[in-house]
Amino acid sequence: MFDSREYPKSLDEELFEKWLEEGRESKMRYEYMLVVWDDLEADYHAEYVENRKQIGKYPFWGSHGGHSTTIAVYDLYSEARINITEVD
């Protein structure tokens, strides 16, 4: 995943699937998974949020911001990628 010049590095599909499972199995009622790039660690990590309003906790990829940026957002249950330009 994210295997193009547009992204800082690719993401292993098995790790991505593991993140989806962990989000769905959490005792918290998460609905979305954020794939976040951390410049300091030079790696991706997953963060989970309960609703659409929380999706914007980090700047989106391509905008200026801190050392962490959201690369993509996925619905944990449908596994559909959420268009971040449509996030409230």
PDB file of N, CA and C in Angstrom:
ATOM      1  N   MET A   1       0.843  -1.182   0.000  1.00  0.00           N
ATOM      2  CA  MET A   1       0.000   0.000   0.000  1.00  0.00           C
ATOM      3  C   MET A   1       0.881   1.236   0.000  1.00  0.00           C
ATOM      4  N   PHE A   2       0.310   2.310  -0.523  1.00  0.00           N
ATOM      5  CA  PHE A   2       1.007   3.597  -0.587  1.00  0.00           C
ATOM      6  C   PHE A   2       2.367   3.448  -1.268  1.00  0.00           C
ATOM      7  N   ASP A   3       2.393   2.625  -2.281  1.00  0.00           N
ATOM      8  CA  ASP A   3       3.642   2.320  -2.980  1.00  0.00           C
ATOM      9  C   ASP A   3       3.765   3.191  -4.232  1.00  0.00           C
ATOM     10  N   SER A   4       4.009   4.472  -4.000  1.00  0.00           N
ATOM     11  CA  SER A   4       4.213   5.402  -5.113  1.00  0.00           C
ATOM     12  C   SER A   4       5.057   6.566  -4.613  1.00  0.00           C
ATOM     13  N   ARG A   5       5.470   7.391  -5.535  1.00  0.00           N
ATOM     14  CA  ARG A   5       6.299   8.552  -5.170  1.00  0.00           C
ATOM     15  C   ARG A   5       5.526   9.576  -4.353  1.00  0.00           C
ATOM     16  N   GLU A   6       4.217   9.473  -4.387  1.00  0.00           N
ATOM     17  CA  GLU A   6       3.366  10.413  -3.660  1.00  0.00           C
ATOM     18  C   GLU A   6       3.506  10.255  -2.142  1.00  0.00           C
ATOM     19  N   TYR A   7       3.890   9.062  -1.690  1.00  0.00           N
ATOM     20  CA  TYR A   7       3.970   8.750  -0.260  1.00  0.00           C
ATOM     21  C   TYR A   7       5.421   8.524   0.164  1.00  0.00           C
ATOM     22  N   PRO A   8       5.715   8.722   1.443  1.00  0.00           N
ATOM     23  CA  PRO A   8       7.098   8.588   1.918  1.00  0.00           C
ATOM     24  C   PRO A   8       7.656   7.170   1.840  1.00  0.00           C
ATOM     25  N   LYS A   9       6.822   6.151   2.029  1.00  0.00           N
ATOM     26  CA  LYS A   9       7.252   4.759   1.869  1.00  0.00           C
ATOM     27  C   LYS A   9       6.016   3.877   1.784  1.00  0.00           C
ATOM     28  N   SER A  10       6.210   2.630   1.372  1.00  0.00           N
ATOM     29  CA  SER A  10       5.061   1.721   1.258  1.00  0.00           C
ATOM     30  C   SER A  10       4.695   1.163   2.633  1.00  0.00           C
ATOM     31  N   LEU A  11       3.489   0.623   2.700  1.00  0.00           N
ATOM     32  CA  LEU A  11       2.965   0.040   3.936  1.00  0.00           C
ATOM     33  C   LEU A  11       2.609  -1.411   3.664  1.00  0.00           C
ATOM     34  N   ASP A  12       3.068  -2.296   4.508  1.00  0.00           N
ATOM     35  CA  ASP A  12       2.788  -3.718   4.366  1.00  0.00           C
ATOM     36  C   ASP A  12       1.295  -3.993   4.529  1.00  0.00           C
ATOM     37  N   GLU A  13       0.727  -4.722   3.570  1.00  0.00           N
ATOM     38  CA  GLU A  13      -0.719  -5.025   3.593  1.00  0.00           C
ATOM     39  C   GLU A  13      -1.116  -5.843   4.823  1.00  0.00           C
ATOM     40  N   GLU A  14      -0.278  -6.766   5.254  1.00  0.00           N
ATOM     41  CA  GLU A  14      -0.607  -7.579   6.437  1.00  0.00           C
ATOM     42  C   GLU A  14      -0.678  -6.721   7.691  1.00  0.00           C
ATOM     43  N   LEU A  15       0.231  -5.770   7.807  1.00  0.00           N
ATOM     44  CA  LEU A  15       0.206  -4.858   8.950  1.00  0.00           C
ATOM     45  C   LEU A  15      -1.066  -4.009   8.909  1.00  0.00           C
ATOM     46  N   PHE A  16      -1.428  -3.530   7.742  1.00  0.00           N
ATOM     47  CA  PHE A  16      -2.651  -2.758   7.574  1.00  0.00           C
ATOM     48  C   PHE A  16      -3.869  -3.569   8.011  1.00  0.00           C
ATOM     49  N   GLU A  17      -3.955  -4.815   7.574  1.00  0.00           N
ATOM     50  CA  GLU A  17      -5.076  -5.690   7.956  1.00  0.00           C
ATOM     51  C   GLU A  17      -5.094  -5.918   9.463  1.00  0.00           C
ATOM     52  N   LYS A  18      -3.914  -6.066  10.070  1.00  0.00           N
ATOM     53  CA  LYS A  18      -3.813  -6.244  11.519  1.00  0.00           C
ATOM     54  C   LYS A  18      -4.355  -5.011  12.242  1.00  0.00           C
ATOM     55  N   TRP A  19      -4.025  -3.837  11.739  1.00  0.00           N
ATOM     56  CA  TRP A  19      -4.531  -2.606  12.335  1.00  0.00           C
ATOM     57  C   TRP A  19      -6.049  -2.538  12.274  1.00  0.00           C
ATOM     58  N   LEU A  20      -6.626  -2.925  11.117  1.00  0.00           N
ATOM     59  CA  LEU A  20      -8.089  -2.934  10.998  1.00  0.00           C
ATOM     60  C   LEU A  20      -8.710  -3.856  12.039  1.00  0.00           C
ATOM     61  N   GLU A  21      -8.152  -5.047  12.190  1.00  0.00           N
ATOM     62  CA  GLU A  21      -8.665  -6.009  13.180  1.00  0.00           C
ATOM     63  C   GLU A  21      -8.580  -5.450  14.589  1.00  0.00           C
ATOM     64  N   GLU A  22      -7.432  -4.869  14.923  1.00  0.00           N
ATOM     65  CA  GLU A  22      -7.245  -4.318  16.270  1.00  0.00           C
ATOM     66  C   GLU A  22      -8.260  -3.213  16.557  1.00  0.00           C
ATOM     67  N   GLY A  23      -8.541  -2.389  15.581  1.00  0.00           N
ATOM     68  CA  GLY A  23      -9.521  -1.327  15.761  1.00  0.00           C
ATOM     69  C   GLY A  23     -10.922  -1.868  15.976  1.00  0.00           C
ATOM     70  N   ARG A  24     -11.290  -2.903  15.211  1.00  0.00           N
ATOM     71  CA  ARG A  24     -12.622  -3.496  15.345  1.00  0.00           C
ATOM     72  C   ARG A  24     -12.773  -4.240  16.663  1.00  0.00           C
ATOM     73  N   GLU A  25     -11.690  -4.861  17.148  1.00  0.00           N
ATOM     74  CA  GLU A  25     -11.743  -5.660  18.369  1.00  0.00           C
ATOM     75  C   GLU A  25     -11.579  -4.845  19.649  1.00  0.00           C
ATOM     76  N   SER A  26     -11.258  -3.573  19.519  1.00  0.00           N
ATOM     77  CA  SER A  26     -11.042  -2.722  20.676  1.00  0.00           C
ATOM     78  C   SER A  26     -12.326  -2.593  21.498  1.00  0.00           C
ATOM     79  N   LYS A  27     -12.169  -2.447  22.798  1.00  0.00           N
ATOM     80  CA  LYS A  27     -13.328  -2.231  23.669  1.00  0.00           C
ATOM     81  C   LYS A  27     -13.911  -0.835  23.472  1.00  0.00           C
ATOM     82  N   MET A  28     -13.096   0.064  22.948  1.00  0.00           N
ATOM     83  CA  MET A  28     -13.595   1.401  22.615  1.00  0.00           C
ATOM     84  C   MET A  28     -14.457   1.262  21.363  1.00  0.00           C
ATOM     85  N   ARG A  29     -15.371   2.162  21.173  1.00  0.00           N
ATOM     86  CA  ARG A  29     -16.282   2.082  20.027  1.00  0.00           C
ATOM     87  C   ARG A  29     -15.737   2.897  18.857  1.00  0.00           C
ATOM     88  N   TYR A  30     -14.605   2.481  18.337  1.00  0.00           N
ATOM     89  CA  TYR A  30     -14.005   3.195  17.223  1.00  0.00           C
ATOM     90  C   TYR A  30     -14.760   2.916  15.938  1.00  0.00           C
ATOM     91  N   GLU A  31     -14.791   3.934  15.084  1.00  0.00           N
ATOM     92  CA  GLU A  31     -15.447   3.786  13.793  1.00  0.00           C
ATOM     93  C   GLU A  31     -14.467   3.955  12.631  1.00  0.00           C
ATOM     94  N   TYR A  32     -13.414   4.729  12.865  1.00  0.00           N
ATOM     95  CA  TYR A  32     -12.462   5.025  11.792  1.00  0.00           C
ATOM     96  C   TYR A  32     -11.029   4.747  12.216  1.00  0.00           C
ATOM     97  N   MET A  33     -10.219   4.398  11.220  1.00  0.00           N
ATOM     98  CA  MET A  33      -8.792   4.214  11.438  1.00  0.00           C
ATOM     99  C   MET A  33      -8.045   5.238  10.592  1.00  0.00           C
ATOM    100  N   LEU A  34      -7.138   5.955  11.232  1.00  0.00           N
ATOM    101  CA  LEU A  34      -6.274   6.893  10.547  1.00  0.00           C
ATOM    102  C   LEU A  34      -4.928   6.223  10.326  1.00  0.00           C
ATOM    103  N   VAL A  35      -4.417   6.291   9.118  1.00  0.00           N
ATOM    104  CA  VAL A  35      -3.053   5.859   8.841  1.00  0.00           C
ATOM    105  C   VAL A  35      -2.218   7.130   8.911  1.00  0.00           C
ATOM    106  N   VAL A  36      -1.342   7.185   9.896  1.00  0.00           N
ATOM    107  CA  VAL A  36      -0.598   8.399  10.205  1.00  0.00           C
ATOM    108  C   VAL A  36       0.883   8.188   9.917  1.00  0.00           C
ATOM    109  N   TRP A  37       1.477   9.167   9.240  1.00  0.00           N
ATOM    110  CA  TRP A  37       2.918   9.155   9.000  1.00  0.00           C
ATOM    111  C   TRP A  37       3.573  10.022  10.060  1.00  0.00           C
ATOM    112  N   ASP A  38       4.612   9.482  10.714  1.00  0.00           N
ATOM    113  CA  ASP A  38       5.362  10.215  11.730  1.00  0.00           C
ATOM    114  C   ASP A  38       6.749  10.514  11.175  1.00  0.00           C
ATOM    115  N   ASP A  39       7.049  11.791  10.953  1.00  0.00           N
ATOM    116  CA  ASP A  39       8.354  12.180  10.404  1.00  0.00           C
ATOM    117  C   ASP A  39       9.502  11.827  11.339  1.00  0.00           C
ATOM    118  N   LEU A  40       9.284  11.919  12.639  1.00  0.00           N
ATOM    119  CA  LEU A  40      10.354  11.626  13.595  1.00  0.00           C
ATOM    120  C   LEU A  40      10.733  10.151  13.581  1.00  0.00           C
ATOM    121  N   GLU A  41       9.732   9.276  13.484  1.00  0.00           N
ATOM    122  CA  GLU A  41       9.973   7.832  13.462  1.00  0.00           C
ATOM    123  C   GLU A  41      10.218   7.309  12.041  1.00  0.00           C
ATOM    124  N   ALA A  42       9.882   8.132  11.046  1.00  0.00           N
ATOM    125  CA  ALA A  42       9.963   7.746   9.632  1.00  0.00           C
ATOM    126  C   ALA A  42       9.205   6.448   9.379  1.00  0.00           C
ATOM    127  N   ASP A  43       7.985   6.403   9.931  1.00  0.00           N
ATOM    128  CA  ASP A  43       7.156   5.209   9.775  1.00  0.00           C
ATOM    129  C   ASP A  43       5.684   5.560   9.970  1.00  0.00           C
ATOM    130  N   TYR A  44       4.834   4.611   9.564  1.00  0.00           N
ATOM    131  CA  TYR A  44       3.397   4.749   9.736  1.00  0.00           C
ATOM    132  C   TYR A  44       2.963   4.148  11.077  1.00  0.00           C
ATOM    133  N   HIS A  45       1.842   4.618  11.574  1.00  0.00           N
ATOM    134  CA  HIS A  45       1.157   3.966  12.677  1.00  0.00           C
ATOM    135  C   HIS A  45      -0.341   4.217  12.516  1.00  0.00           C
ATOM    136  N   ALA A  46      -1.121   3.410  13.191  1.00  0.00           N
ATOM    137  CA  ALA A  46      -2.577   3.549  13.123  1.00  0.00           C
ATOM    138  C   ALA A  46      -3.078   4.267  14.363  1.00  0.00           C
ATOM    139  N   GLU A  47      -4.072   5.090  14.155  1.00  0.00           N
ATOM    140  CA  GLU A  47      -4.797   5.700  15.264  1.00  0.00           C
ATOM    141  C   GLU A  47      -6.271   5.504  14.975  1.00  0.00           C
ATOM    142  N   TYR A  48      -7.050   5.380  16.021  1.00  0.00           N
ATOM    143  CA  TYR A  48      -8.466   5.104  15.881  1.00  0.00           C
ATOM    144  C   TYR A  48      -9.272   6.243  16.489  1.00  0.00           C
ATOM    145  N   VAL A  49     -10.375   6.573  15.829  1.00  0.00           N
ATOM    146  CA  VAL A  49     -11.251   7.634  16.333  1.00  0.00           C
ATOM    147  C   VAL A  49     -12.689   7.143  16.312  1.00  0.00           C
ATOM    148  N   GLU A  50     -13.490   7.743  17.171  1.00  0.00           N
ATOM    149  CA  GLU A  50     -14.867   7.302  17.344  1.00  0.00           C
ATOM    150  C   GLU A  50     -15.847   7.933  16.363  1.00  0.00           C
ATOM    151  N   ASN A  51     -15.518   9.112  15.828  1.00  0.00           N
ATOM    152  CA  ASN A  51     -16.458   9.771  14.921  1.00  0.00           C
ATOM    153  C   ASN A  51     -15.712  10.649  13.919  1.00  0.00           C
ATOM    154  N   ARG A  52     -16.446  11.136  12.918  1.00  0.00           N
ATOM    155  CA  ARG A  52     -15.855  11.921  11.829  1.00  0.00           C
ATOM    156  C   ARG A  52     -15.231  13.221  12.319  1.00  0.00           C
ATOM    157  N   LYS A  53     -15.762  13.808  13.366  1.00  0.00           N
ATOM    158  CA  LYS A  53     -15.222  15.072  13.868  1.00  0.00           C
ATOM    159  C   LYS A  53     -13.794  14.907  14.385  1.00  0.00           C
ATOM    160  N   GLN A  54     -13.436  13.718  14.816  1.00  0.00           N
ATOM    161  CA  GLN A  54     -12.099  13.470  15.356  1.00  0.00           C
ATOM    162  C   GLN A  54     -11.069  13.136  14.274  1.00  0.00           C
ATOM    163  N   ILE A  55     -11.518  12.958  13.056  1.00  0.00           N
ATOM    164  CA  ILE A  55     -10.600  12.585  11.972  1.00  0.00           C
ATOM    165  C   ILE A  55      -9.529  13.648  11.748  1.00  0.00           C
ATOM    166  N   GLY A  56      -9.854  14.894  11.939  1.00  0.00           N
ATOM    167  CA  GLY A  56      -8.912  15.978  11.692  1.00  0.00           C
ATOM    168  C   GLY A  56      -7.930  16.246  12.815  1.00  0.00           C
ATOM    169  N   LYS A  57      -7.642  15.258  13.659  1.00  0.00           N
ATOM    170  CA  LYS A  57      -6.739  15.492  14.793  1.00  0.00           C
ATOM    171  C   LYS A  57      -5.316  15.809  14.358  1.00  0.00           C
ATOM    172  N   TYR A  58      -4.930  15.378  13.162  1.00  0.00           N
ATOM    173  CA  TYR A  58      -3.626  15.708  12.584  1.00  0.00           C
ATOM    174  C   TYR A  58      -3.867  16.401  11.255  1.00  0.00           C
ATOM    175  N   PRO A  59      -2.908  17.213  10.805  1.00  0.00           N
ATOM    176  CA  PRO A  59      -3.060  17.778   9.464  1.00  0.00           C
ATOM    177  C   PRO A  59      -3.057  16.649   8.435  1.00  0.00           C
ATOM    178  N   PHE A  60      -3.713  16.877   7.323  1.00  0.00           N
ATOM    179  CA  PHE A  60      -3.756  15.862   6.278  1.00  0.00           C
ATOM    180  C   PHE A  60      -2.514  15.946   5.413  1.00  0.00           C
ATOM    181  N   TRP A  61      -2.126  14.797   4.858  1.00  0.00           N
ATOM    182  CA  TRP A  61      -0.947  14.689   4.015  1.00  0.00           C
ATOM    183  C   TRP A  61      -1.014  15.735   2.912  1.00  0.00           C
ATOM    184  N   GLY A  62       0.073  16.448   2.722  1.00  0.00           N
ATOM    185  CA  GLY A  62       0.117  17.477   1.694  1.00  0.00           C
ATOM    186  C   GLY A  62      -0.112  18.872   2.232  1.00  0.00           C
ATOM    187  N   SER A  63      -0.602  18.976   3.457  1.00  0.00           N
ATOM    188  CA  SER A  63      -0.756  20.294   4.068  1.00  0.00           C
ATOM    189  C   SER A  63       0.369  20.469   5.080  1.00  0.00           C
ATOM    190  N   HIS A  64       0.637  21.688   5.446  1.00  0.00           N
ATOM    191  CA  HIS A  64       1.706  21.943   6.415  1.00  0.00           C
ATOM    192  C   HIS A  64       1.212  21.615   7.818  1.00  0.00           C
ATOM    193  N   GLY A  65       2.104  21.147   8.624  1.00  0.00           N
ATOM    194  CA  GLY A  65       1.702  20.814   9.986  1.00  0.00           C
ATOM    195  C   GLY A  65       2.883  20.329  10.793  1.00  0.00           C
ATOM    196  N   GLY A  66       2.596  19.592  11.834  1.00  0.00           N
ATOM    197  CA  GLY A  66       3.619  19.078  12.724  1.00  0.00           C
ATOM    198  C   GLY A  66       4.321  17.871  12.141  1.00  0.00           C
ATOM    199  N   HIS A  67       4.887  17.079  13.005  1.00  0.00           N
ATOM    200  CA  HIS A  67       5.654  15.922  12.546  1.00  0.00           C
ATOM    201  C   HIS A  67       4.774  14.721  12.220  1.00  0.00           C
ATOM    202  N   SER A  68       3.488  14.756  12.577  1.00  0.00           N
ATOM    203  CA  SER A  68       2.567  13.659  12.252  1.00  0.00           C
ATOM    204  C   SER A  68       1.497  14.166  11.298  1.00  0.00           C
ATOM    205  N   THR A  69       1.255  13.396  10.231  1.00  0.00           N
ATOM    206  CA  THR A  69       0.225  13.762   9.270  1.00  0.00           C
ATOM    207  C   THR A  69      -0.600  12.536   8.909  1.00  0.00           C
ATOM    208  N   THR A  70      -1.895  12.761   8.687  1.00  0.00           N
ATOM    209  CA  THR A  70      -2.791  11.680   8.290  1.00  0.00           C
ATOM    210  C   THR A  70      -2.639  11.430   6.799  1.00  0.00           C
ATOM    211  N   ILE A  71      -2.289  10.195   6.462  1.00  0.00           N
ATOM    212  CA  ILE A  71      -2.131   9.793   5.067  1.00  0.00           C
ATOM    213  C   ILE A  71      -3.470   9.367   4.483  1.00  0.00           C
ATOM    214  N   ALA A  72      -4.239   8.594   5.247  1.00  0.00           N
ATOM    215  CA  ALA A  72      -5.514   8.067   4.773  1.00  0.00           C
ATOM    216  C   ALA A  72      -6.412   7.742   5.959  1.00  0.00           C
ATOM    217  N   VAL A  73      -7.719   7.675   5.678  1.00  0.00           N
ATOM    218  CA  VAL A  73      -8.714   7.346   6.692  1.00  0.00           C
ATOM    219  C   VAL A  73      -9.579   6.221   6.145  1.00  0.00           C
ATOM    220  N   TYR A  74      -9.837   5.209   6.993  1.00  0.00           N
ATOM    221  CA  TYR A  74     -10.651   4.062   6.592  1.00  0.00           C
ATOM    222  C   TYR A  74     -11.768   3.827   7.596  1.00  0.00           C
ATOM    223  N   ASP A  75     -12.934   3.447   7.083  1.00  0.00           N
ATOM    224  CA  ASP A  75     -14.018   2.987   7.917  1.00  0.00           C
ATOM    225  C   ASP A  75     -13.627   1.587   8.397  1.00  0.00           C
ATOM    226  N   LEU A  76     -13.636   1.356   9.693  1.00  0.00           N
ATOM    227  CA  LEU A  76     -13.184   0.068  10.235  1.00  0.00           C
ATOM    228  C   LEU A  76     -14.050  -1.108   9.818  1.00  0.00           C
ATOM    229  N   TYR A  77     -15.305  -0.870   9.543  1.00  0.00           N
ATOM    230  CA  TYR A  77     -16.211  -1.991   9.300  1.00  0.00           C
ATOM    231  C   TYR A  77     -16.445  -2.272   7.820  1.00  0.00           C
ATOM    232  N   SER A  78     -16.536  -1.241   7.011  1.00  0.00           N
ATOM    233  CA  SER A  78     -16.683  -1.475   5.573  1.00  0.00           C
ATOM    234  C   SER A  78     -15.315  -1.562   4.894  1.00  0.00           C
ATOM    235  N   GLU A  79     -14.282  -1.086   5.580  1.00  0.00           N
ATOM    236  CA  GLU A  79     -12.914  -1.008   5.082  1.00  0.00           C
ATOM    237  C   GLU A  79     -12.786  -0.057   3.896  1.00  0.00           C
ATOM    238  N   ALA A  80     -13.791   0.787   3.703  1.00  0.00           N
ATOM    239  CA  ALA A  80     -13.759   1.773   2.623  1.00  0.00           C
ATOM    240  C   ALA A  80     -12.863   2.932   3.009  1.00  0.00           C
ATOM    241  N   ARG A  81     -12.123   3.407   2.041  1.00  0.00           N
ATOM    242  CA  ARG A  81     -11.293   4.591   2.270  1.00  0.00           C
ATOM    243  C   ARG A  81     -12.187   5.826   2.235  1.00  0.00           C
ATOM    244  N   ILE A  82     -12.022   6.693   3.223  1.00  0.00           N
ATOM    245  CA  ILE A  82     -12.806   7.913   3.334  1.00  0.00           C
ATOM    246  C   ILE A  82     -12.042   9.037   2.622  1.00  0.00           C
ATOM    247  N   ASN A  83     -12.724   9.735   1.755  1.00  0.00           N
ATOM    248  CA  ASN A  83     -12.112  10.873   1.072  1.00  0.00           C
ATOM    249  C   ASN A  83     -11.925  11.988   2.094  1.00  0.00           C
ATOM    250  N   ILE A  84     -10.690  12.326   2.410  1.00  0.00           N
ATOM    251  CA  ILE A  84     -10.439  13.299   3.479  1.00  0.00           C
ATOM    252  C   ILE A  84     -10.817  14.723   3.086  1.00  0.00           C
ATOM    253  N   THR A  85     -11.072  14.966   1.810  1.00  0.00           N
ATOM    254  CA  THR A  85     -11.551  16.303   1.424  1.00  0.00           C
ATOM    255  C   THR A  85     -13.018  16.483   1.794  1.00  0.00           C
ATOM    256  N   GLU A  86     -13.711  15.384   2.101  1.00  0.00           N
ATOM    257  CA  GLU A  86     -15.115  15.451   2.460  1.00  0.00           C
ATOM    258  C   GLU A  86     -15.358  15.392   3.966  1.00  0.00           C
ATOM    259  N   VAL A  87     -14.294  15.355   4.754  1.00  0.00           N
ATOM    260  CA  VAL A  87     -14.423  15.265   6.206  1.00  0.00           C
ATOM    261  C   VAL A  87     -14.867  16.608   6.756  1.00  0.00           C
ATOM    262  N   ASP A  88     -15.848  16.546   7.638  1.00  0.00           N
ATOM    263  CA  ASP A  88     -16.383  17.780   8.258  1.00  0.00           C
ATOM    264  C   ASP A  88     -15.365  18.425   9.152  1.00  0.00           C
TER     265      ASP A  88
END
